[in-house]
Amino acid sequence: MLVIIPIAVMGGIGYFMEGYLEMLLFVQVAAGLTLGTYIGAKFTRRVPEPVLKVAMVAVPASAAILLLLAH
């Protein structure tokens, strides 16, 4: 998962250099990620392990299906 960090940073720098970085959107996404990470960490300790295992597969799979059907 740590490989995402340098890719995201370099992509962000590229968008910034080309003038495509919207600061308001950046702040909103950063705030949403921070809040979502905090809430997710709190719920992770309360949810049974089998539910987490299913969710770790079902959520990305659902997102992939939605992306495929949208185009």
PDB file of N, CA and C in Angstrom:
ATOM      1  N   MET A   1       0.820  -1.199   0.000  1.00  0.00           N
ATOM      2  CA  MET A   1       0.000   0.000   0.000  1.00  0.00           C
ATOM      3  C   MET A   1       0.865   1.264   0.000  1.00  0.00           C
ATOM      4  N   LEU A   2       2.076   1.180   0.538  1.00  0.00           N
ATOM      5  CA  LEU A   2       2.924   2.365   0.595  1.00  0.00           C
ATOM      6  C   LEU A   2       3.373   2.844  -0.777  1.00  0.00           C
ATOM      7  N   VAL A   3       3.294   1.990  -1.781  1.00  0.00           N
ATOM      8  CA  VAL A   3       3.689   2.395  -3.121  1.00  0.00           C
ATOM      9  C   VAL A   3       2.751   3.478  -3.667  1.00  0.00           C
ATOM     10  N   ILE A   4       1.556   3.582  -3.115  1.00  0.00           N
ATOM     11  CA  ILE A   4       0.590   4.584  -3.568  1.00  0.00           C
ATOM     12  C   ILE A   4       1.073   6.003  -3.243  1.00  0.00           C
ATOM     13  N   ILE A   5       1.779   6.163  -2.133  1.00  0.00           N
ATOM     14  CA  ILE A   5       2.183   7.504  -1.686  1.00  0.00           C
ATOM     15  C   ILE A   5       3.061   8.216  -2.719  1.00  0.00           C
ATOM     16  N   PRO A   6       4.180   7.639  -3.161  1.00  0.00           N
ATOM     17  CA  PRO A   6       4.988   8.381  -4.142  1.00  0.00           C
ATOM     18  C   PRO A   6       4.272   8.593  -5.476  1.00  0.00           C
ATOM     19  N   ILE A   7       3.453   7.631  -5.876  1.00  0.00           N
ATOM     20  CA  ILE A   7       2.703   7.794  -7.123  1.00  0.00           C
ATOM     21  C   ILE A   7       1.738   8.964  -7.007  1.00  0.00           C
ATOM     22  N   ALA A   8       1.020   9.043  -5.879  1.00  0.00           N
ATOM     23  CA  ALA A   8       0.065  10.127  -5.676  1.00  0.00           C
ATOM     24  C   ALA A   8       0.771  11.479  -5.572  1.00  0.00           C
ATOM     25  N   VAL A   9       1.903  11.508  -4.874  1.00  0.00           N
ATOM     26  CA  VAL A   9       2.647  12.769  -4.734  1.00  0.00           C
ATOM     27  C   VAL A   9       3.155  13.249  -6.092  1.00  0.00           C
ATOM     28  N   MET A  10       3.735  12.356  -6.870  1.00  0.00           N
ATOM     29  CA  MET A  10       4.254  12.759  -8.176  1.00  0.00           C
ATOM     30  C   MET A  10       3.118  13.163  -9.119  1.00  0.00           C
ATOM     31  N   GLY A  11       2.000  12.466  -9.052  1.00  0.00           N
ATOM     32  CA  GLY A  11       0.847  12.854  -9.869  1.00  0.00           C
ATOM     33  C   GLY A  11       0.320  14.218  -9.459  1.00  0.00           C
ATOM     34  N   GLY A  12       0.262  14.463  -8.156  1.00  0.00           N
ATOM     35  CA  GLY A  12      -0.182  15.769  -7.663  1.00  0.00           C
ATOM     36  C   GLY A  12       0.743  16.893  -8.098  1.00  0.00           C
ATOM     37  N   ILE A  13       2.038  16.641  -8.053  1.00  0.00           N
ATOM     38  CA  ILE A  13       3.009  17.641  -8.506  1.00  0.00           C
ATOM     39  C   ILE A  13       2.819  17.916  -9.997  1.00  0.00           C
ATOM     40  N   GLY A  14       2.586  16.860 -10.762  1.00  0.00           N
ATOM     41  CA  GLY A  14       2.360  17.032 -12.199  1.00  0.00           C
ATOM     42  C   GLY A  14       1.132  17.886 -12.486  1.00  0.00           C
ATOM     43  N   TYR A  15       0.031  17.608 -11.782  1.00  0.00           N
ATOM     44  CA  TYR A  15      -1.174  18.413 -11.957  1.00  0.00           C
ATOM     45  C   TYR A  15      -0.932  19.860 -11.534  1.00  0.00           C
ATOM     46  N   PHE A  16      -0.213  20.049 -10.430  1.00  0.00           N
ATOM     47  CA  PHE A  16       0.083  21.401  -9.944  1.00  0.00           C
ATOM     48  C   PHE A  16       0.916  22.170 -10.962  1.00  0.00           C
ATOM     49  N   MET A  17       1.931  21.522 -11.531  1.00  0.00           N
ATOM     50  CA  MET A  17       2.809  22.184 -12.502  1.00  0.00           C
ATOM     51  C   MET A  17       2.054  22.581 -13.772  1.00  0.00           C
ATOM     52  N   GLU A  18       1.029  21.812 -14.130  1.00  0.00           N
ATOM     53  CA  GLU A  18       0.242  22.113 -15.326  1.00  0.00           C
ATOM     54  C   GLU A  18      -0.920  23.062 -15.035  1.00  0.00           C
ATOM     55  N   GLY A  19      -1.132  23.388 -13.760  1.00  0.00           N
ATOM     56  CA  GLY A  19      -2.187  24.326 -13.398  1.00  0.00           C
ATOM     57  C   GLY A  19      -3.560  23.693 -13.249  1.00  0.00           C
ATOM     58  N   TYR A  20      -3.606  22.368 -13.092  1.00  0.00           N
ATOM     59  CA  TYR A  20      -4.884  21.677 -12.990  1.00  0.00           C
ATOM     60  C   TYR A  20      -5.295  21.360 -11.555  1.00  0.00           C
ATOM     61  N   LEU A  21      -4.515  21.776 -10.580  1.00  0.00           N
ATOM     62  CA  LEU A  21      -4.810  21.461  -9.191  1.00  0.00           C
ATOM     63  C   LEU A  21      -5.750  22.513  -8.611  1.00  0.00           C
ATOM     64  N   GLU A  22      -6.941  22.080  -8.213  1.00  0.00           N
ATOM     65  CA  GLU A  22      -7.904  22.980  -7.577  1.00  0.00           C
ATOM     66  C   GLU A  22      -7.741  22.847  -6.070  1.00  0.00           C
ATOM     67  N   MET A  23      -7.342  23.925  -5.414  1.00  0.00           N
ATOM     68  CA  MET A  23      -7.045  23.858  -3.990  1.00  0.00           C
ATOM     69  C   MET A  23      -8.278  23.518  -3.155  1.00  0.00           C
ATOM     70  N   LEU A  24      -9.442  24.048  -3.506  1.00  0.00           N
ATOM     71  CA  LEU A  24     -10.647  23.745  -2.740  1.00  0.00           C
ATOM     72  C   LEU A  24     -10.952  22.252  -2.805  1.00  0.00           C
ATOM     73  N   LEU A  25     -10.875  21.687  -3.978  1.00  0.00           N
ATOM     74  CA  LEU A  25     -11.114  20.253  -4.132  1.00  0.00           C
ATOM     75  C   LEU A  25     -10.060  19.448  -3.381  1.00  0.00           C
ATOM     76  N   PHE A  26      -8.818  19.878  -3.422  1.00  0.00           N
ATOM     77  CA  PHE A  26      -7.739  19.205  -2.707  1.00  0.00           C
ATOM     78  C   PHE A  26      -8.004  19.188  -1.207  1.00  0.00           C
ATOM     79  N   VAL A  27      -8.406  20.334  -0.655  1.00  0.00           N
ATOM     80  CA  VAL A  27      -8.690  20.418   0.780  1.00  0.00           C
ATOM     81  C   VAL A  27      -9.888  19.538   1.141  1.00  0.00           C
ATOM     82  N   GLN A  28     -10.919  19.537   0.302  1.00  0.00           N
ATOM     83  CA  GLN A  28     -12.095  18.707   0.572  1.00  0.00           C
ATOM     84  C   GLN A  28     -11.737  17.217   0.551  1.00  0.00           C
ATOM     85  N   VAL A  29     -10.948  16.805  -0.422  1.00  0.00           N
ATOM     86  CA  VAL A  29     -10.550  15.399  -0.508  1.00  0.00           C
ATOM     87  C   VAL A  29      -9.660  15.024   0.682  1.00  0.00           C
ATOM     88  N   ALA A  30      -8.720  15.885   1.043  1.00  0.00           N
ATOM     89  CA  ALA A  30      -7.843  15.601   2.182  1.00  0.00           C
ATOM     90  C   ALA A  30      -8.648  15.492   3.478  1.00  0.00           C
ATOM     91  N   ALA A  31      -9.614  16.392   3.674  1.00  0.00           N
ATOM     92  CA  ALA A  31     -10.453  16.331   4.870  1.00  0.00           C
ATOM     93  C   ALA A  31     -11.302  15.068   4.882  1.00  0.00           C
ATOM     94  N   GLY A  32     -11.872  14.702   3.743  1.00  0.00           N
ATOM     95  CA  GLY A  32     -12.672  13.487   3.657  1.00  0.00           C
ATOM     96  C   GLY A  32     -11.852  12.236   3.927  1.00  0.00           C
ATOM     97  N   LEU A  33     -10.642  12.186   3.379  1.00  0.00           N
ATOM     98  CA  LEU A  33      -9.773  11.037   3.626  1.00  0.00           C
ATOM     99  C   LEU A  33      -9.387  10.932   5.094  1.00  0.00           C
ATOM    100  N   THR A  34      -9.078  12.076   5.704  1.00  0.00           N
ATOM    101  CA  THR A  34      -8.699  12.074   7.112  1.00  0.00           C
ATOM    102  C   THR A  34      -9.854  11.604   7.985  1.00  0.00           C
ATOM    103  N   LEU A  35     -11.029  12.162   7.760  1.00  0.00           N
ATOM    104  CA  LEU A  35     -12.202  11.782   8.544  1.00  0.00           C
ATOM    105  C   LEU A  35     -12.577  10.318   8.290  1.00  0.00           C
ATOM    106  N   GLY A  36     -12.559   9.899   7.042  1.00  0.00           N
ATOM    107  CA  GLY A  36     -12.888   8.521   6.704  1.00  0.00           C
ATOM    108  C   GLY A  36     -11.915   7.519   7.299  1.00  0.00           C
ATOM    109  N   THR A  37     -10.647   7.857   7.314  1.00  0.00           N
ATOM    110  CA  THR A  37      -9.637   6.985   7.911  1.00  0.00           C
ATOM    111  C   THR A  37      -9.852   6.849   9.404  1.00  0.00           C
ATOM    112  N   TYR A  38     -10.132   7.952  10.064  1.00  0.00           N
ATOM    113  CA  TYR A  38     -10.361   7.932  11.508  1.00  0.00           C
ATOM    114  C   TYR A  38     -11.596   7.102  11.854  1.00  0.00           C
ATOM    115  N   ILE A  39     -12.690   7.365  11.166  1.00  0.00           N
ATOM    116  CA  ILE A  39     -13.934   6.627  11.430  1.00  0.00           C
ATOM    117  C   ILE A  39     -13.758   5.149  11.078  1.00  0.00           C
ATOM    118  N   GLY A  40     -13.098   4.866   9.965  1.00  0.00           N
ATOM    119  CA  GLY A  40     -12.860   3.481   9.567  1.00  0.00           C
ATOM    120  C   GLY A  40     -12.031   2.725  10.593  1.00  0.00           C
ATOM    121  N   ALA A  41     -11.026   3.380  11.156  1.00  0.00           N
ATOM    122  CA  ALA A  41     -10.197   2.732  12.176  1.00  0.00           C
ATOM    123  C   ALA A  41     -11.011   2.428  13.427  1.00  0.00           C
ATOM    124  N   LYS A  42     -11.915   3.323  13.784  1.00  0.00           N
ATOM    125  CA  LYS A  42     -12.762   3.089  14.960  1.00  0.00           C
ATOM    126  C   LYS A  42     -13.720   1.923  14.739  1.00  0.00           C
ATOM    127  N   PHE A  43     -14.337   1.852  13.553  1.00  0.00           N
ATOM    128  CA  PHE A  43     -15.295   0.777  13.273  1.00  0.00           C
ATOM    129  C   PHE A  43     -14.614  -0.568  13.066  1.00  0.00           C
ATOM    130  N   THR A  44     -13.383  -0.558  12.588  1.00  0.00           N
ATOM    131  CA  THR A  44     -12.670  -1.805  12.323  1.00  0.00           C
ATOM    132  C   THR A  44     -12.534  -2.644  13.588  1.00  0.00           C
ATOM    133  N   ARG A  45     -12.348  -1.997  14.713  1.00  0.00           N
ATOM    134  CA  ARG A  45     -12.191  -2.735  15.960  1.00  0.00           C
ATOM    135  C   ARG A  45     -13.529  -3.286  16.464  1.00  0.00           C
ATOM    136  N   ARG A  46     -14.638  -2.788  15.969  1.00  0.00           N
ATOM    137  CA  ARG A  46     -15.955  -3.218  16.458  1.00  0.00           C
ATOM    138  C   ARG A  46     -16.635  -4.246  15.558  1.00  0.00           C
ATOM    139  N   VAL A  47     -16.165  -4.379  14.345  1.00  0.00           N
ATOM    140  CA  VAL A  47     -16.806  -5.279  13.377  1.00  0.00           C
ATOM    141  C   VAL A  47     -16.141  -6.653  13.453  1.00  0.00           C
ATOM    142  N   PRO A  48     -16.920  -7.724  13.422  1.00  0.00           N
ATOM    143  CA  PRO A  48     -16.333  -9.069  13.452  1.00  0.00           C
ATOM    144  C   PRO A  48     -15.412  -9.326  12.245  1.00  0.00           C
ATOM    145  N   GLU A  49     -14.403 -10.149  12.447  1.00  0.00           N
ATOM    146  CA  GLU A  49     -13.411 -10.422  11.405  1.00  0.00           C
ATOM    147  C   GLU A  49     -14.008 -10.983  10.115  1.00  0.00           C
ATOM    148  N   PRO A  50     -14.973 -11.898  10.150  1.00  0.00           N
ATOM    149  CA  PRO A  50     -15.544 -12.399   8.882  1.00  0.00           C
ATOM    150  C   PRO A  50     -16.208 -11.288   8.052  1.00  0.00           C
ATOM    151  N   VAL A  51     -16.828 -10.335   8.722  1.00  0.00           N
ATOM    152  CA  VAL A  51     -17.454  -9.219   8.001  1.00  0.00           C
ATOM    153  C   VAL A  51     -16.383  -8.371   7.333  1.00  0.00           C
ATOM    154  N   LEU A  52     -15.270  -8.138   8.027  1.00  0.00           N
ATOM    155  CA  LEU A  52     -14.174  -7.356   7.447  1.00  0.00           C
ATOM    156  C   LEU A  52     -13.579  -8.048   6.226  1.00  0.00           C
ATOM    157  N   LYS A  53     -13.425  -9.363   6.313  1.00  0.00           N
ATOM    158  CA  LYS A  53     -12.862 -10.105   5.177  1.00  0.00           C
ATOM    159  C   LYS A  53     -13.750  -9.986   3.946  1.00  0.00           C
ATOM    160  N   VAL A  54     -15.048 -10.101   4.138  1.00  0.00           N
ATOM    161  CA  VAL A  54     -15.984  -9.975   3.017  1.00  0.00           C
ATOM    162  C   VAL A  54     -15.959  -8.547   2.469  1.00  0.00           C
ATOM    163  N   ALA A  55     -15.937  -7.573   3.367  1.00  0.00           N
ATOM    164  CA  ALA A  55     -15.944  -6.171   2.946  1.00  0.00           C
ATOM    165  C   ALA A  55     -14.685  -5.805   2.154  1.00  0.00           C
ATOM    166  N   MET A  56     -13.537  -6.382   2.542  1.00  0.00           N
ATOM    167  CA  MET A  56     -12.281  -6.079   1.848  1.00  0.00           C
ATOM    168  C   MET A  56     -12.294  -6.567   0.397  1.00  0.00           C
ATOM    169  N   VAL A  57     -13.124  -7.536   0.098  1.00  0.00           N
ATOM    170  CA  VAL A  57     -13.265  -8.022  -1.273  1.00  0.00           C
ATOM    171  C   VAL A  57     -14.458  -7.354  -1.958  1.00  0.00           C
ATOM    172  N   ALA A  58     -15.559  -7.211  -1.236  1.00  0.00           N
ATOM    173  CA  ALA A  58     -16.801  -6.724  -1.838  1.00  0.00           C
ATOM    174  C   ALA A  58     -16.739  -5.248  -2.234  1.00  0.00           C
ATOM    175  N   VAL A  59     -16.113  -4.416  -1.428  1.00  0.00           N
ATOM    176  CA  VAL A  59     -16.097  -2.977  -1.730  1.00  0.00           C
ATOM    177  C   VAL A  59     -15.313  -2.684  -3.010  1.00  0.00           C
ATOM    178  N   PRO A  60     -14.056  -3.137  -3.155  1.00  0.00           N
ATOM    179  CA  PRO A  60     -13.357  -2.880  -4.426  1.00  0.00           C
ATOM    180  C   PRO A  60     -14.030  -3.542  -5.624  1.00  0.00           C
ATOM    181  N   ALA A  61     -14.564  -4.750  -5.421  1.00  0.00           N
ATOM    182  CA  ALA A  61     -15.250  -5.422  -6.520  1.00  0.00           C
ATOM    183  C   ALA A  61     -16.482  -4.635  -6.961  1.00  0.00           C
ATOM    184  N   SER A  62     -17.224  -4.113  -6.008  1.00  0.00           N
ATOM    185  CA  SER A  62     -18.408  -3.289  -6.336  1.00  0.00           C
ATOM    186  C   SER A  62     -17.996  -2.031  -7.097  1.00  0.00           C
ATOM    187  N   ALA A  63     -16.918  -1.398  -6.646  1.00  0.00           N
ATOM    188  CA  ALA A  63     -16.442  -0.192  -7.331  1.00  0.00           C
ATOM    189  C   ALA A  63     -16.021  -0.531  -8.764  1.00  0.00           C
ATOM    190  N   ALA A  64     -15.348  -1.654  -8.957  1.00  0.00           N
ATOM    191  CA  ALA A  64     -14.929  -2.060 -10.303  1.00  0.00           C
ATOM    192  C   ALA A  64     -16.132  -2.305 -11.208  1.00  0.00           C
ATOM    193  N   ILE A  65     -17.141  -2.962 -10.676  1.00  0.00           N
ATOM    194  CA  ILE A  65     -18.356  -3.224 -11.461  1.00  0.00           C
ATOM    195  C   ILE A  65     -19.035  -1.929 -11.834  1.00  0.00           C
ATOM    196  N   LEU A  66     -19.129  -0.991 -10.881  1.00  0.00           N
ATOM    197  CA  LEU A  66     -19.741   0.311 -11.186  1.00  0.00           C
ATOM    198  C   LEU A  66     -18.978   1.046 -12.276  1.00  0.00           C
ATOM    199  N   LEU A  67     -17.655   0.997 -12.227  1.00  0.00           N
ATOM    200  CA  LEU A  67     -16.846   1.661 -13.250  1.00  0.00           C
ATOM    201  C   LEU A  67     -17.029   1.008 -14.611  1.00  0.00           C
ATOM    202  N   LEU A  68     -17.116  -0.297 -14.632  1.00  0.00           N
ATOM    203  CA  LEU A  68     -17.316  -0.996 -15.904  1.00  0.00           C
ATOM    204  C   LEU A  68     -18.687  -0.685 -16.499  1.00  0.00           C
ATOM    205  N   LEU A  69     -19.701  -0.616 -15.662  1.00  0.00           N
ATOM    206  CA  LEU A  69     -21.053  -0.351 -16.149  1.00  0.00           C
ATOM    207  C   LEU A  69     -21.261   1.112 -16.526  1.00  0.00           C
ATOM    208  N   ALA A  70     -20.474   2.009 -15.958  1.00  0.00           N
ATOM    209  CA  ALA A  70     -20.635   3.442 -16.241  1.00  0.00           C
ATOM    210  C   ALA A  70     -20.138   3.799 -17.640  1.00  0.00           C
ATOM    211  N   HIS A  71     -19.264   2.968 -18.202  1.00  0.00           N
ATOM    212  CA  HIS A  71     -18.711   3.287 -19.522  1.00  0.00           C
ATOM    213  C   HIS A  71     -19.228   2.278 -20.481  1.00  0.00           C
TER     214      HIS A  71
END
